[in-house]
PDB file of all heavy atoms in Angstrom:
ATOM      1  N   HIS A   1      97.164  81.038 115.105  1.00  0.00           N
ATOM      2  CA  HIS A   1      98.575  80.643 115.192  1.00  0.00           C
ATOM      3  C   HIS A   1      98.622  79.327 114.501  1.00  0.00           C
ATOM      4  O   HIS A   1      97.832  78.334 114.562  1.00  0.00           O
ATOM      5  CB  HIS A   1      98.862  80.398 116.674  1.00  0.00           C
ATOM      6  CG  HIS A   1      98.745  81.643 117.385  1.00  0.00           C
ATOM      7  ND1 HIS A   1      99.820  82.433 117.811  1.00  0.00           N
ATOM      8  CD2 HIS A   1      97.656  82.319 118.006  1.00  0.00           C
ATOM      9  CE1 HIS A   1      99.452  83.389 118.402  1.00  0.00           C
ATOM     10  NE2 HIS A   1      98.101  83.366 118.504  1.00  0.00           N
ATOM     11  N   LEU A   2      99.552  79.160 113.505  1.00  0.00           N
ATOM     12  CA  LEU A   2      99.826  77.942 112.709  1.00  0.00           C
ATOM     13  C   LEU A   2     101.259  77.396 113.140  1.00  0.00           C
ATOM     14  O   LEU A   2     102.161  78.145 113.190  1.00  0.00           O
ATOM     15  CB  LEU A   2      99.882  78.320 111.245  1.00  0.00           C
ATOM     16  CG  LEU A   2     100.105  77.184 110.283  1.00  0.00           C
ATOM     17  CD1 LEU A   2      99.248  77.279 109.040  1.00  0.00           C
ATOM     18  CD2 LEU A   2     101.537  77.052 109.869  1.00  0.00           C
ATOM     19  N   VAL A   3     101.329  76.181 113.366  1.00  0.00           N
ATOM     20  CA  VAL A   3     102.541  75.356 113.651  1.00  0.00           C
ATOM     21  C   VAL A   3     102.581  74.223 112.667  1.00  0.00           C
ATOM     22  O   VAL A   3     101.707  73.305 112.687  1.00  0.00           O
ATOM     23  CB  VAL A   3     102.672  74.863 115.045  1.00  0.00           C
ATOM     24  CG1 VAL A   3     103.949  74.152 115.188  1.00  0.00           C
ATOM     25  CG2 VAL A   3     102.593  76.027 115.929  1.00  0.00           C
ATOM     26  N   HIS A   4     103.546  74.358 111.723  1.00  0.00           N
ATOM     27  CA  HIS A   4     103.624  73.214 110.707  1.00  0.00           C
ATOM     28  C   HIS A   4     104.624  72.122 111.109  1.00  0.00           C
ATOM     29  O   HIS A   4     105.592  72.414 111.971  1.00  0.00           O
ATOM     30  CB  HIS A   4     104.132  73.955 109.386  1.00  0.00           C
ATOM     31  CG  HIS A   4     104.049  73.048 108.127  1.00  0.00           C
ATOM     32  ND1 HIS A   4     105.147  72.221 107.887  1.00  0.00           N
ATOM     33  CD2 HIS A   4     103.228  72.857 107.290  1.00  0.00           C
ATOM     34  CE1 HIS A   4     104.895  71.512 106.761  1.00  0.00           C
ATOM     35  NE2 HIS A   4     103.652  71.928 106.390  1.00  0.00           N
ATOM     36  N   GLU A   5     104.473  70.982 110.624  1.00  0.00           N
ATOM     37  CA  GLU A   5     105.453  69.863 111.120  1.00  0.00           C
ATOM     38  C   GLU A   5     106.820  70.130 110.664  1.00  0.00           C
ATOM     39  O   GLU A   5     107.688  69.614 111.326  1.00  0.00           O
ATOM     40  CB  GLU A   5     104.944  68.512 110.365  1.00  0.00           C
ATOM     41  CG  GLU A   5     105.190  68.444 108.874  1.00  0.00           C
ATOM     42  CD  GLU A   5     105.081  67.007 108.395  1.00  0.00           C
ATOM     43  OE1 GLU A   5     104.757  66.104 109.119  1.00  0.00           O
ATOM     44  OE2 GLU A   5     105.150  66.771 107.203  1.00  0.00           O
ATOM     45  N   SER A   6     107.086  70.932 109.766  1.00  0.00           N
ATOM     46  CA  SER A   6     108.510  71.325 109.352  1.00  0.00           C
ATOM     47  C   SER A   6     109.190  72.258 110.274  1.00  0.00           C
ATOM     48  O   SER A   6     110.261  72.463 110.261  1.00  0.00           O
ATOM     49  CB  SER A   6     108.432  71.836 107.873  1.00  0.00           C
ATOM     50  OG  SER A   6     107.877  73.249 107.951  1.00  0.00           O
ATOM     51  N   GLY A   7     108.421  72.773 111.343  1.00  0.00           N
ATOM     52  CA  GLY A   7     108.908  73.845 112.178  1.00  0.00           C
ATOM     53  C   GLY A   7     108.512  75.164 111.860  1.00  0.00           C
ATOM     54  O   GLY A   7     108.777  76.124 112.614  1.00  0.00           O
ATOM     55  N   PHE A   8     107.853  75.425 110.701  1.00  0.00           N
ATOM     56  CA  PHE A   8     107.380  76.704 110.262  1.00  0.00           C
ATOM     57  C   PHE A   8     106.384  77.175 111.191  1.00  0.00           C
ATOM     58  O   PHE A   8     105.435  76.306 111.613  1.00  0.00           O
ATOM     59  CB  PHE A   8     106.776  76.675 108.836  1.00  0.00           C
ATOM     60  CG  PHE A   8     106.304  77.964 108.336  1.00  0.00           C
ATOM     61  CD1 PHE A   8     107.067  78.938 107.975  1.00  0.00           C
ATOM     62  CD2 PHE A   8     104.908  78.059 108.331  1.00  0.00           C
ATOM     63  CE1 PHE A   8     106.541  80.146 107.552  1.00  0.00           C
ATOM     64  CE2 PHE A   8     104.334  79.381 107.844  1.00  0.00           C
ATOM     65  CZ  PHE A   8     105.064  80.349 107.505  1.00  0.00           C
ATOM     66  N   VAL A   9     106.417  78.426 111.652  1.00  0.00           N
ATOM     67  CA  VAL A   9     105.436  78.989 112.658  1.00  0.00           C
ATOM     68  C   VAL A   9     105.001  80.373 111.969  1.00  0.00           C
ATOM     69  O   VAL A   9     105.703  81.150 111.493  1.00  0.00           O
ATOM     70  CB  VAL A   9     106.089  79.206 114.005  1.00  0.00           C
ATOM     71  CG1 VAL A   9     105.130  79.791 114.927  1.00  0.00           C
ATOM     72  CG2 VAL A   9     106.570  77.940 114.572  1.00  0.00           C
ATOM     73  N   TRP A  10     103.724  80.490 112.163  1.00  0.00           N
ATOM     74  CA  TRP A  10     103.090  81.740 111.681  1.00  0.00           C
ATOM     75  C   TRP A  10     101.973  82.136 112.618  1.00  0.00           C
ATOM     76  O   TRP A  10     101.308  81.270 113.157  1.00  0.00           O
ATOM     77  CB  TRP A  10     102.525  81.566 110.245  1.00  0.00           C
ATOM     78  CG  TRP A  10     101.836  82.812 109.672  1.00  0.00           C
ATOM     79  CD1 TRP A  10     102.375  83.831 109.045  1.00  0.00           C
ATOM     80  CD2 TRP A  10     100.403  83.049 109.788  1.00  0.00           C
ATOM     81  NE1 TRP A  10     101.474  84.774 108.643  1.00  0.00           N
ATOM     82  CE2 TRP A  10     100.239  84.407 109.174  1.00  0.00           C
ATOM     83  CE3 TRP A  10      99.285  82.497 110.328  1.00  0.00           C
ATOM     84  CZ2 TRP A  10      98.914  84.934 109.013  1.00  0.00           C
ATOM     85  CZ3 TRP A  10      98.064  83.088 110.179  1.00  0.00           C
ATOM     86  CH2 TRP A  10      97.878  84.334 109.593  1.00  0.00           C
ATOM     87  N   HIS A  11     101.722  83.401 112.775  1.00  0.00           N
ATOM     88  CA  HIS A  11     100.629  83.937 113.586  1.00  0.00           C
ATOM     89  C   HIS A  11     100.190  85.296 113.041  1.00  0.00           C
ATOM     90  O   HIS A  11     101.071  85.971 112.528  1.00  0.00           O
ATOM     91  CB  HIS A  11     100.766  83.904 115.035  1.00  0.00           C
ATOM     92  CG  HIS A  11     101.785  84.873 115.428  1.00  0.00           C
ATOM     93  ND1 HIS A  11     101.642  86.084 115.811  1.00  0.00           N
ATOM     94  CD2 HIS A  11     103.174  84.515 115.790  1.00  0.00           C
ATOM     95  CE1 HIS A  11     102.863  86.668 116.196  1.00  0.00           C
ATOM     96  NE2 HIS A  11     103.729  85.734 116.176  1.00  0.00           N
ATOM     97  N   GLY A  12      98.961  85.516 113.034  1.00  0.00           N
ATOM     98  CA  GLY A  12      98.434  86.748 112.494  1.00  0.00           C
ATOM     99  C   GLY A  12      96.972  87.125 112.860  1.00  0.00           C
ATOM    100  O   GLY A  12      96.217  86.270 113.385  1.00  0.00           O
ATOM    101  N   ALA A  13      96.637  88.412 112.714  1.00  0.00           N
ATOM    102  CA  ALA A  13      95.248  88.790 113.068  1.00  0.00           C
ATOM    103  C   ALA A  13      94.234  88.166 112.105  1.00  0.00           C
ATOM    104  O   ALA A  13      94.634  87.957 110.970  1.00  0.00           O
ATOM    105  CB  ALA A  13      95.113  90.227 113.066  1.00  0.00           C
ATOM    106  N   ALA A  14      93.099  87.834 112.609  1.00  0.00           N
ATOM    107  CA  ALA A  14      92.092  87.140 111.689  1.00  0.00           C
ATOM    108  C   ALA A  14      90.941  88.177 111.701  1.00  0.00           C
ATOM    109  O   ALA A  14      90.587  88.845 112.625  1.00  0.00           O
ATOM    110  CB  ALA A  14      91.523  85.795 112.307  1.00  0.00           C
ATOM    111  N   SER A  15      90.287  88.256 110.484  1.00  0.00           N
ATOM    112  CA  SER A  15      89.124  88.910 110.345  1.00  0.00           C
ATOM    113  C   SER A  15      87.917  88.077 110.864  1.00  0.00           C
ATOM    114  O   SER A  15      88.157  86.985 111.133  1.00  0.00           O
ATOM    115  CB  SER A  15      88.744  89.409 108.883  1.00  0.00           C
ATOM    116  OG  SER A  15      88.487  88.110 108.158  1.00  0.00           O
ATOM    117  N   PRO A  16      86.763  88.718 111.137  1.00  0.00           N
ATOM    118  CA  PRO A  16      85.694  87.917 111.750  1.00  0.00           C
ATOM    119  C   PRO A  16      85.317  86.742 110.803  1.00  0.00           C
ATOM    120  O   PRO A  16      84.841  85.778 111.302  1.00  0.00           O
ATOM    121  CB  PRO A  16      84.469  88.916 111.735  1.00  0.00           C
ATOM    122  CG  PRO A  16      85.198  90.264 111.947  1.00  0.00           C
ATOM    123  CD  PRO A  16      86.380  90.183 111.141  1.00  0.00           C
ATOM    124  N   SER A  17      85.558  86.890 109.525  1.00  0.00           N
ATOM    125  CA  SER A  17      85.006  85.732 108.567  1.00  0.00           C
ATOM    126  C   SER A  17      86.175  84.696 108.337  1.00  0.00           C
ATOM    127  O   SER A  17      85.904  83.660 107.929  1.00  0.00           O
ATOM    128  CB  SER A  17      84.500  86.418 107.236  1.00  0.00           C
ATOM    129  OG  SER A  17      85.703  87.144 106.654  1.00  0.00           O
ATOM    130  N   GLY A  18      87.439  85.042 108.600  1.00  0.00           N
ATOM    131  CA  GLY A  18      88.505  84.081 108.361  1.00  0.00           C
ATOM    132  C   GLY A  18      89.862  84.674 108.212  1.00  0.00           C
ATOM    133  O   GLY A  18      89.988  85.978 108.495  1.00  0.00           O
ATOM    134  N   VAL A  19      90.865  83.995 107.735  1.00  0.00           N
ATOM    135  CA  VAL A  19      92.188  84.405 107.495  1.00  0.00           C
ATOM    136  C   VAL A  19      92.843  83.746 106.313  1.00  0.00           C
ATOM    137  O   VAL A  19      92.428  82.612 106.011  1.00  0.00           O
ATOM    138  CB  VAL A  19      93.068  84.206 108.835  1.00  0.00           C
ATOM    139  CG1 VAL A  19      93.119  82.666 109.115  1.00  0.00           C
ATOM    140  CG2 VAL A  19      94.354  84.815 108.835  1.00  0.00           C
ATOM    141  N   THR A  20      93.574  84.497 105.560  1.00  0.00           N
ATOM    142  CA  THR A  20      94.449  83.915 104.474  1.00  0.00           C
ATOM    143  C   THR A  20      95.734  83.803 105.076  1.00  0.00           C
ATOM    144  O   THR A  20      96.363  84.540 105.653  1.00  0.00           O
ATOM    145  CB  THR A  20      94.377  84.795 103.370  1.00  0.00           C
ATOM    146  OG1 THR A  20      93.107  85.131 102.837  1.00  0.00           O
ATOM    147  CG2 THR A  20      95.287  84.225 102.145  1.00  0.00           C
ATOM    148  N   LEU A  21      96.281  82.497 104.768  1.00  0.00           N
ATOM    149  CA  LEU A  21      97.707  82.223 105.335  1.00  0.00           C
ATOM    150  C   LEU A  21      98.485  81.578 104.152  1.00  0.00           C
ATOM    151  O   LEU A  21      97.935  80.916 103.334  1.00  0.00           O
ATOM    152  CB  LEU A  21      97.676  81.384 106.602  1.00  0.00           C
ATOM    153  CG  LEU A  21      96.783  80.125 106.614  1.00  0.00           C
ATOM    154  CD1 LEU A  21      97.614  79.012 106.137  1.00  0.00           C
ATOM    155  CD2 LEU A  21      96.240  79.909 107.989  1.00  0.00           C
ATOM    156  N   GLN A  22      99.836  81.645 104.335  1.00  0.00           N
ATOM    157  CA  GLN A  22     100.721  80.953 103.442  1.00  0.00           C
ATOM    158  C   GLN A  22     101.685  80.040 104.224  1.00  0.00           C
ATOM    159  O   GLN A  22     102.306  80.571 105.159  1.00  0.00           O
ATOM    160  CB  GLN A  22     101.545  81.999 102.672  1.00  0.00           C
ATOM    161  CG  GLN A  22     100.773  82.767 101.608  1.00  0.00           C
ATOM    162  CD  GLN A  22     101.601  83.659 100.816  1.00  0.00           C
ATOM    163  OE1 GLN A  22     102.612  84.053 101.301  1.00  0.00           O
ATOM    164  NE2 GLN A  22     101.088  84.055  99.746  1.00  0.00           N
ATOM    165  N   ALA A  23     101.757  78.801 103.884  1.00  0.00           N
ATOM    166  CA  ALA A  23     102.636  77.861 104.616  1.00  0.00           C
ATOM    167  C   ALA A  23     102.994  76.681 103.667  1.00  0.00           C
ATOM    168  O   ALA A  23     102.379  76.585 102.538  1.00  0.00           O
ATOM    169  CB  ALA A  23     101.882  77.355 105.845  1.00  0.00           C
ATOM    170  N   PRO A  24     104.003  75.919 103.974  1.00  0.00           N
ATOM    171  CA  PRO A  24     104.430  74.876 103.237  1.00  0.00           C
ATOM    172  C   PRO A  24     103.303  73.687 103.129  1.00  0.00           C
ATOM    173  O   PRO A  24     102.553  73.799 104.042  1.00  0.00           O
ATOM    174  CB  PRO A  24     105.660  74.230 103.872  1.00  0.00           C
ATOM    175  CG  PRO A  24     106.033  75.173 104.992  1.00  0.00           C
ATOM    176  CD  PRO A  24     104.875  76.176 105.288  1.00  0.00           C
ATOM    177  N   GLU A  25     103.289  72.926 102.081  1.00  0.00           N
ATOM    178  CA  GLU A  25     102.500  71.899 102.106  1.00  0.00           C
ATOM    179  C   GLU A  25     102.743  70.800 103.215  1.00  0.00           C
ATOM    180  O   GLU A  25     103.787  70.757 103.692  1.00  0.00           O
ATOM    181  CB  GLU A  25     102.465  71.076 100.667  1.00  0.00           C
ATOM    182  CG  GLU A  25     102.013  71.838  99.554  1.00  0.00           C
ATOM    183  CD  GLU A  25     101.932  70.958  98.310  1.00  0.00           C
ATOM    184  OE1 GLU A  25     102.960  71.058  97.615  1.00  0.00           O
ATOM    185  OE2 GLU A  25     100.888  70.380  98.059  1.00  0.00           O
ATOM    186  N   GLY A  26     101.672  70.145 103.635  1.00  0.00           N
ATOM    187  CA  GLY A  26     101.762  69.184 104.656  1.00  0.00           C
ATOM    188  C   GLY A  26     100.987  69.469 106.009  1.00  0.00           C
ATOM    189  O   GLY A  26     100.126  70.443 105.958  1.00  0.00           O
ATOM    190  N   PRO A  27     101.057  68.614 106.989  1.00  0.00           N
ATOM    191  CA  PRO A  27     100.268  68.657 108.127  1.00  0.00           C
ATOM    192  C   PRO A  27     100.751  69.925 109.011  1.00  0.00           C
ATOM    193  O   PRO A  27     101.795  70.202 109.060  1.00  0.00           O
ATOM    194  CB  PRO A  27     100.647  67.390 108.910  1.00  0.00           C
ATOM    195  CG  PRO A  27     101.175  66.572 108.001  1.00  0.00           C
ATOM    196  CD  PRO A  27     101.782  67.293 106.878  1.00  0.00           C
ATOM    197  N   CYS A  28      99.646  70.495 109.586  1.00  0.00           N
ATOM    198  CA  CYS A  28      99.880  71.633 110.462  1.00  0.00           C
ATOM    199  C   CYS A  28      98.752  71.678 111.531  1.00  0.00           C
ATOM    200  O   CYS A  28      97.670  71.026 111.365  1.00  0.00           O
ATOM    201  CB  CYS A  28      99.935  72.878 109.770  1.00  0.00           C
ATOM    202  SG  CYS A  28      98.518  73.414 108.976  1.00  0.00           S
TER     203      CYS A  28
END
């Protein structure tokens, strides 16, 4: 689950080794 300072929220399934995500630049 990703929560970005801009209010953008994303969540998705992760593989055992990791996850690829797309989000705006900045703190999250």
